[in-house]
Amino acid sequence: AGTRRIADSVKDRFTISRDNAKNTVYLRANGLKL
């Protein structure tokens, strides 16, 4: 249904999405750190 939960430690930089028709989940981030 699109309800998201993201860890507090990465919430500012990471996001998640899902395409049900493609049975695919995506993870996207910016500003990667070591």
All heavy atoms as atom14 arrays in JSON, in Angstrom:
{
  "sequence": "AGTRRIADSVKDRFTISRDNAKNTVYLRANGLKL",
  "atom14_mask": [
    [1, 1, 1, 1, 1, 0, 0, 0, 0, 0, 0, 0, 0, 0],
    [1, 1, 1, 1, 0, 0, 0, 0, 0, 0, 0, 0, 0, 0],
    [1, 1, 1, 1, 1, 1, 1, 0, 0, 0, 0, 0, 0, 0],
    [1, 1, 1, 1, 1, 1, 1, 1, 1, 1, 1, 0, 0, 0],
    [1, 1, 1, 1, 1, 1, 1, 1, 1, 1, 1, 0, 0, 0],
    [1, 1, 1, 1, 1, 1, 1, 1, 0, 0, 0, 0, 0, 0],
    [1, 1, 1, 1, 1, 0, 0, 0, 0, 0, 0, 0, 0, 0],
    [1, 1, 1, 1, 1, 1, 1, 1, 0, 0, 0, 0, 0, 0],
    [1, 1, 1, 1, 1, 1, 0, 0, 0, 0, 0, 0, 0, 0],
    [1, 1, 1, 1, 1, 1, 1, 0, 0, 0, 0, 0, 0, 0],
    [1, 1, 1, 1, 1, 1, 1, 1, 1, 0, 0, 0, 0, 0],
    [1, 1, 1, 1, 1, 1, 1, 1, 0, 0, 0, 0, 0, 0],
    [1, 1, 1, 1, 1, 1, 1, 1, 1, 1, 1, 0, 0, 0],
    [1, 1, 1, 1, 1, 1, 1, 1, 1, 1, 1, 0, 0, 0],
    [1, 1, 1, 1, 1, 1, 1, 0, 0, 0, 0, 0, 0, 0],
    [1, 1, 1, 1, 1, 1, 1, 1, 0, 0, 0, 0, 0, 0],
    [1, 1, 1, 1, 1, 1, 0, 0, 0, 0, 0, 0, 0, 0],
    [1, 1, 1, 1, 1, 1, 1, 1, 1, 1, 1, 0, 0, 0],
    [1, 1, 1, 1, 1, 1, 1, 1, 0, 0, 0, 0, 0, 0],
    [1, 1, 1, 1, 1, 1, 1, 1, 0, 0, 0, 0, 0, 0],
    [1, 1, 1, 1, 1, 0, 0, 0, 0, 0, 0, 0, 0, 0],
    [1, 1, 1, 1, 1, 1, 1, 1, 1, 0, 0, 0, 0, 0],
    [1, 1, 1, 1, 1, 1, 1, 1, 0, 0, 0, 0, 0, 0],
    [1, 1, 1, 1, 1, 1, 1, 0, 0, 0, 0, 0, 0, 0],
    [1, 1, 1, 1, 1, 1, 1, 0, 0, 0, 0, 0, 0, 0],
    [1, 1, 1, 1, 1, 1, 1, 1, 1, 1, 1, 1, 0, 0],
    [1, 1, 1, 1, 1, 1, 1, 1, 0, 0, 0, 0, 0, 0],
    [1, 1, 1, 1, 1, 1, 1, 1, 1, 1, 1, 0, 0, 0],
    [1, 1, 1, 1, 1, 0, 0, 0, 0, 0, 0, 0, 0, 0],
    [1, 1, 1, 1, 1, 1, 1, 1, 0, 0, 0, 0, 0, 0],
    [1, 1, 1, 1, 0, 0, 0, 0, 0, 0, 0, 0, 0, 0],
    [1, 1, 1, 1, 1, 1, 1, 1, 0, 0, 0, 0, 0, 0],
    [1, 1, 1, 1, 1, 1, 1, 1, 1, 0, 0, 0, 0, 0],
    [1, 1, 1, 1, 1, 1, 1, 1, 0, 0, 0, 0, 0, 0]
  ],
  "atom14_positions": [
    [[0.8, -1.21, 0.0], [0.0, 0.0, 0.0], [0.84, 1.27, 0.0], [0.29, 2.36, -0.13], [-0.95, 0.01, 1.2], [0.0, 0.0, 0.0], [0.0, 0.0, 0.0], [0.0, 0.0, 0.0], [0.0, 0.0, 0.0], [0.0, 0.0, 0.0], [0.0, 0.0, 0.0], [0.0, 0.0, 0.0], [0.0, 0.0, 0.0], [0.0, 0.0, 0.0]],
    [[2.15, 1.13, 0.16], [3.03, 2.28, 0.12], [3.4, 2.86, 1.47], [3.99, 3.95, 1.53], [0.0, 0.0, 0.0], [0.0, 0.0, 0.0], [0.0, 0.0, 0.0], [0.0, 0.0, 0.0], [0.0, 0.0, 0.0], [0.0, 0.0, 0.0], [0.0, 0.0, 0.0], [0.0, 0.0, 0.0], [0.0, 0.0, 0.0], [0.0, 0.0, 0.0]],
    [[3.07, 2.16, 2.54], [3.47, 2.61, 3.87], [4.95, 2.36, 4.07], [5.41, 1.23, 3.97], [2.66, 1.9, 4.95], [1.26, 2.12, 4.74], [3.04, 2.42, 6.33], [0.0, 0.0, 0.0], [0.0, 0.0, 0.0], [0.0, 0.0, 0.0], [0.0, 0.0, 0.0], [0.0, 0.0, 0.0], [0.0, 0.0, 0.0], [0.0, 0.0, 0.0]],
    [[5.69, 3.4, 4.39], [7.14, 3.31, 4.51], [7.6, 3.41, 5.95], [7.0, 4.07, 6.78], [7.82, 4.43, 3.74], [7.49, 4.52, 2.28], [8.29, 5.65, 1.69], [7.65, 6.22, 0.53], [8.02, 7.34, -0.05], [9.04, 8.03, 0.46], [7.39, 7.79, -1.11], [0.0, 0.0, 0.0], [0.0, 0.0, 0.0], [0.0, 0.0, 0.0]],
    [[8.71, 2.75, 6.22], [9.43, 2.93, 7.46], [10.91, 2.94, 7.12], [11.42, 2.02, 6.49], [9.11, 1.83, 8.47], [9.81, 2.02, 9.81], [9.19, 1.14, 10.89], [9.47, -0.27, 10.68], [10.53, -0.91, 11.17], [11.42, -0.25, 11.92], [10.7, -2.2, 10.94], [0.0, 0.0, 0.0], [0.0, 0.0, 0.0], [0.0, 0.0, 0.0]],
    [[11.59, 3.98, 7.55], [13.01, 4.15, 7.26], [13.75, 4.36, 8.57], [13.29, 5.12, 9.43], [13.26, 5.34, 6.31], [12.45, 5.15, 5.01], [14.74, 5.49, 6.0], [12.53, 6.33, 4.07], [0.0, 0.0, 0.0], [0.0, 0.0, 0.0], [0.0, 0.0, 0.0], [0.0, 0.0, 0.0], [0.0, 0.0, 0.0], [0.0, 0.0, 0.0]],
    [[14.88, 3.71, 8.71], [15.67, 3.82, 9.93], [16.05, 5.27, 10.18], [16.42, 6.01, 9.26], [16.92, 2.96, 9.84], [0.0, 0.0, 0.0], [0.0, 0.0, 0.0], [0.0, 0.0, 0.0], [0.0, 0.0, 0.0], [0.0, 0.0, 0.0], [0.0, 0.0, 0.0], [0.0, 0.0, 0.0], [0.0, 0.0, 0.0], [0.0, 0.0, 0.0]],
    [[15.98, 5.68, 11.45], [16.29, 7.05, 11.81], [17.7, 7.45, 11.39], [17.95, 8.61, 11.03], [16.14, 7.25, 13.32], [14.69, 7.21, 13.76], [13.79, 7.42, 12.92], [14.45, 6.97, 14.96], [0.0, 0.0, 0.0], [0.0, 0.0, 0.0], [0.0, 0.0, 0.0], [0.0, 0.0, 0.0], [0.0, 0.0, 0.0], [0.0, 0.0, 0.0]],
    [[18.62, 6.5, 11.43], [20.01, 6.8, 11.14], [20.25, 7.22, 9.7], [21.26, 7.86, 9.4], [20.9, 5.59, 11.48], [20.51, 4.46, 10.73], [0.0, 0.0, 0.0], [0.0, 0.0, 0.0], [0.0, 0.0, 0.0], [0.0, 0.0, 0.0], [0.0, 0.0, 0.0], [0.0, 0.0, 0.0], [0.0, 0.0, 0.0], [0.0, 0.0, 0.0]],
    [[19.34, 6.86, 8.8], [19.53, 7.17, 7.39], [18.34, 7.92, 6.8], [18.31, 8.18, 5.59], [19.8, 5.9, 6.55], [21.05, 5.19, 7.03], [18.59, 4.97, 6.59], [0.0, 0.0, 0.0], [0.0, 0.0, 0.0], [0.0, 0.0, 0.0], [0.0, 0.0, 0.0], [0.0, 0.0, 0.0], [0.0, 0.0, 0.0], [0.0, 0.0, 0.0]],
    [[17.4, 8.29, 7.62], [16.14, 8.85, 7.14], [16.32, 10.13, 6.33], [15.52, 10.42, 5.43], [15.22, 9.11, 8.34], [13.75, 9.13, 8.01], [12.93, 9.09, 9.29], [11.45, 8.87, 8.99], [10.67, 8.73, 10.24], [0.0, 0.0, 0.0], [0.0, 0.0, 0.0], [0.0, 0.0, 0.0], [0.0, 0.0, 0.0], [0.0, 0.0, 0.0]],
    [[17.35, 10.89, 6.64], [17.59, 12.15, 5.94], [18.14, 11.95, 4.54], [18.07, 12.87, 3.72], [18.55, 13.03, 6.74], [17.97, 13.5, 8.06], [16.74, 13.52, 8.2], [18.77, 13.87, 8.95], [0.0, 0.0, 0.0], [0.0, 0.0, 0.0], [0.0, 0.0, 0.0], [0.0, 0.0, 0.0], [0.0, 0.0, 0.0], [0.0, 0.0, 0.0]],
    [[18.67, 10.78, 4.28], [19.39, 10.56, 3.02], [18.84, 9.42, 2.18], [19.11, 9.38, 0.97], [20.87, 10.3, 3.31], [21.56, 11.43, 4.05], [23.03, 11.12, 4.31], [23.21, 10.0, 5.23], [23.76, 8.84, 4.91], [24.2, 8.63, 3.67], [23.88, 7.88, 5.81], [0.0, 0.0, 0.0], [0.0, 0.0, 0.0], [0.0, 0.0, 0.0]],
    [[18.12, 8.49, 2.78], [17.62, 7.31, 2.08], [16.12, 7.37, 1.88], [15.39, 7.93, 2.71], [17.94, 6.03, 2.88], [19.38, 5.59, 2.81], [20.41, 6.4, 3.27], [19.69, 4.34, 2.29], [21.72, 5.98, 3.21], [21.01, 3.91, 2.23], [22.02, 4.73, 2.69], [0.0, 0.0, 0.0], [0.0, 0.0, 0.0], [0.0, 0.0, 0.0]],
    [[15.67, 6.77, 0.8], [14.24, 6.61, 0.59], [13.98, 5.27, -0.09], [14.88, 4.68, -0.7], [13.65, 7.76, -0.23], [12.22, 7.69, -0.19], [14.11, 7.69, -1.68], [0.0, 0.0, 0.0], [0.0, 0.0, 0.0], [0.0, 0.0, 0.0], [0.0, 0.0, 0.0], [0.0, 0.0, 0.0], [0.0, 0.0, 0.0], [0.0, 0.0, 0.0]],
    [[12.75, 4.8, 0.03], [12.38, 3.5, -0.53], [11.1, 3.64, -1.31], [10.23, 4.45, -0.98], [12.24, 2.44, 0.59], [12.09, 1.04, 0.01], [11.09, 2.79, 1.53], [12.22, -0.07, 1.06], [0.0, 0.0, 0.0], [0.0, 0.0, 0.0], [0.0, 0.0, 0.0], [0.0, 0.0, 0.0], [0.0, 0.0, 0.0], [0.0, 0.0, 0.0]],
    [[10.98, 2.86, -2.37], [9.76, 2.84, -3.16], [9.5, 1.43, -3.66], [10.37, 0.55, -3.57], [9.84, 3.83, -4.33], [10.92, 3.5, -5.19], [0.0, 0.0, 0.0], [0.0, 0.0, 0.0], [0.0, 0.0, 0.0], [0.0, 0.0, 0.0], [0.0, 0.0, 0.0], [0.0, 0.0, 0.0], [0.0, 0.0, 0.0], [0.0, 0.0, 0.0]],
    [[8.29, 1.21, -4.18], [7.91, -0.13, -4.6], [6.98, -0.06, -5.79], [6.07, 0.76, -5.83], [7.22, -0.86, -3.44], [6.84, -2.31, -3.69], [6.36, -2.95, -2.4], [6.03, -4.36, -2.57], [5.69, -5.17, -1.58], [5.66, -4.72, -0.33], [5.4, -6.43, -1.83], [0.0, 0.0, 0.0], [0.0, 0.0, 0.0], [0.0, 0.0, 0.0]],
    [[7.21, -0.94, -6.74], [6.37, -1.06, -7.92], [5.73, -2.44, -7.86], [6.36, -3.44, -8.17], [7.2, -0.88, -9.19], [6.34, -0.82, -10.44], [5.25, -1.41, -10.46], [6.77, -0.18, -11.41], [0.0, 0.0, 0.0], [0.0, 0.0, 0.0], [0.0, 0.0, 0.0], [0.0, 0.0, 0.0], [0.0, 0.0, 0.0], [0.0, 0.0, 0.0]],
    [[4.48, -2.49, -7.46], [3.8, -3.77, -7.29], [3.67, -4.53, -8.61], [3.76, -5.77, -8.63], [2.42, -3.56, -6.69], [2.47, -3.06, -5.26], [3.41, -3.35, -4.52], [1.46, -2.31, -4.86], [0.0, 0.0, 0.0], [0.0, 0.0, 0.0], [0.0, 0.0, 0.0], [0.0, 0.0, 0.0], [0.0, 0.0, 0.0], [0.0, 0.0, 0.0]],
    [[3.45, -3.82, -9.69], [3.29, -4.47, -10.99], [4.56, -5.16, -11.43], [4.51, -6.16, -12.15], [2.86, -3.45, -12.04], [0.0, 0.0, 0.0], [0.0, 0.0, 0.0], [0.0, 0.0, 0.0], [0.0, 0.0, 0.0], [0.0, 0.0, 0.0], [0.0, 0.0, 0.0], [0.0, 0.0, 0.0], [0.0, 0.0, 0.0], [0.0, 0.0, 0.0]],
    [[5.71, -4.63, -11.02], [6.99, -5.21, -11.38], [7.58, -6.09, -10.29], [8.68, -6.63, -10.45], [8.0, -4.11, -11.72], [7.65, -3.31, -12.96], [8.71, -2.26, -13.24], [8.4, -1.49, -14.51], [9.43, -0.46, -14.78], [0.0, 0.0, 0.0], [0.0, 0.0, 0.0], [0.0, 0.0, 0.0], [0.0, 0.0, 0.0], [0.0, 0.0, 0.0]],
    [[6.88, -6.21, -9.18], [7.38, -6.97, -8.03], [8.77, -6.52, -7.63], [9.65, -7.33, -7.33], [7.39, -8.48, -8.34], [6.01, -9.05, -8.53], [5.06, -8.66, -7.85], [5.88, -9.99, -9.45], [0.0, 0.0, 0.0], [0.0, 0.0, 0.0], [0.0, 0.0, 0.0], [0.0, 0.0, 0.0], [0.0, 0.0, 0.0], [0.0, 0.0, 0.0]],
    [[8.96, -5.22, -7.61], [10.27, -4.65, -7.4], [10.25, -3.59, -6.31], [9.33, -2.77, -6.24], [10.81, -4.04, -8.7], [10.86, -5.04, -9.72], [12.21, -3.48, -8.5], [0.0, 0.0, 0.0], [0.0, 0.0, 0.0], [0.0, 0.0, 0.0], [0.0, 0.0, 0.0], [0.0, 0.0, 0.0], [0.0, 0.0, 0.0], [0.0, 0.0, 0.0]],
    [[11.28, -3.61, -5.48], [11.47, -2.59, -4.48], [12.79, -1.88, -4.77], [13.76, -2.5, -5.23], [11.46, -3.17, -3.05], [12.63, -4.11, -2.82], [11.44, -2.06, -2.01], [0.0, 0.0, 0.0], [0.0, 0.0, 0.0], [0.0, 0.0, 0.0], [0.0, 0.0, 0.0], [0.0, 0.0, 0.0], [0.0, 0.0, 0.0], [0.0, 0.0, 0.0]],
    [[12.82, -0.59, -4.51], [13.98, 0.23, -4.79], [14.48, 0.92, -3.53], [13.69, 1.29, -2.67], [13.66, 1.3, -5.83], [13.04, 0.76, -7.1], [11.66, 0.68, -7.24], [13.83, 0.35, -8.17], [11.08, 0.19, -8.4], [13.27, -0.14, -9.33], [11.89, -0.22, -9.44], [11.33, -0.7, -10.6], [0.0, 0.0, 0.0], [0.0, 0.0, 0.0]],
    [[15.78, 1.09, -3.45], [16.39, 1.88, -2.4], [17.24, 2.95, -3.05], [18.1, 2.65, -3.87], [17.26, 1.01, -1.48], [17.89, 1.73, -0.29], [16.82, 2.12, 0.73], [18.95, 0.84, 0.37], [0.0, 0.0, 0.0], [0.0, 0.0, 0.0], [0.0, 0.0, 0.0], [0.0, 0.0, 0.0], [0.0, 0.0, 0.0], [0.0, 0.0, 0.0]],
    [[16.99, 4.18, -2.69], [17.71, 5.31, -3.27], [18.29, 6.17, -2.16], [17.63, 6.39, -1.14], [16.78, 6.13, -4.15], [17.48, 7.22, -4.93], [16.51, 7.98, -5.82], [15.69, 8.93, -5.06], [14.4, 8.8, -4.81], [13.75, 7.72, -5.27], [13.75, 9.71, -4.12], [0.0, 0.0, 0.0], [0.0, 0.0, 0.0], [0.0, 0.0, 0.0]],
    [[19.49, 6.66, -2.37], [20.12, 7.5, -1.38], [20.97, 8.56, -2.06], [21.44, 8.38, -3.19], [20.97, 6.68, -0.42], [0.0, 0.0, 0.0], [0.0, 0.0, 0.0], [0.0, 0.0, 0.0], [0.0, 0.0, 0.0], [0.0, 0.0, 0.0], [0.0, 0.0, 0.0], [0.0, 0.0, 0.0], [0.0, 0.0, 0.0], [0.0, 0.0, 0.0]],
    [[21.18, 9.63, -1.34], [22.1, 10.69, -1.74], [23.06, 10.97, -0.6], [22.8, 10.63, 0.54], [21.35, 11.97, -2.11], [20.45, 11.81, -3.31], [19.23, 11.9, -3.2], [21.05, 11.56, -4.47], [0.0, 0.0, 0.0], [0.0, 0.0, 0.0], [0.0, 0.0, 0.0], [0.0, 0.0, 0.0], [0.0, 0.0, 0.0], [0.0, 0.0, 0.0]],
    [[24.16, 11.61, -0.94], [25.12, 11.99, 0.09], [25.7, 10.81, 0.84], [25.76, 10.83, 2.07], [0.0, 0.0, 0.0], [0.0, 0.0, 0.0], [0.0, 0.0, 0.0], [0.0, 0.0, 0.0], [0.0, 0.0, 0.0], [0.0, 0.0, 0.0], [0.0, 0.0, 0.0], [0.0, 0.0, 0.0], [0.0, 0.0, 0.0], [0.0, 0.0, 0.0]],
    [[26.13, 9.8, 0.12], [26.68, 8.61, 0.76], [27.92, 8.92, 1.59], [28.74, 9.77, 1.22], [27.0, 7.53, -0.26], [25.81, 6.83, -0.91], [26.29, 5.61, -1.68], [24.77, 6.42, 0.11], [0.0, 0.0, 0.0], [0.0, 0.0, 0.0], [0.0, 0.0, 0.0], [0.0, 0.0, 0.0], [0.0, 0.0, 0.0], [0.0, 0.0, 0.0]],
    [[28.04, 8.22, 2.7], [29.16, 8.36, 3.61], [29.93, 7.05, 3.69], [29.42, 6.01, 3.3], [28.67, 8.77, 5.0], [27.84, 10.02, 5.03], [27.3, 10.28, 6.42], [26.46, 11.54, 6.47], [25.91, 11.79, 7.82], [0.0, 0.0, 0.0], [0.0, 0.0, 0.0], [0.0, 0.0, 0.0], [0.0, 0.0, 0.0], [0.0, 0.0, 0.0]],
    [[31.14, 7.13, 4.22], [31.95, 5.93, 4.39], [31.22, 4.89, 5.24], [31.36, 3.69, 5.01], [33.3, 6.26, 5.02], [34.25, 7.13, 4.19], [35.53, 7.39, 4.97], [34.56, 6.48, 2.86], [0.0, 0.0, 0.0], [0.0, 0.0, 0.0], [0.0, 0.0, 0.0], [0.0, 0.0, 0.0], [0.0, 0.0, 0.0], [0.0, 0.0, 0.0]]
  ]
}
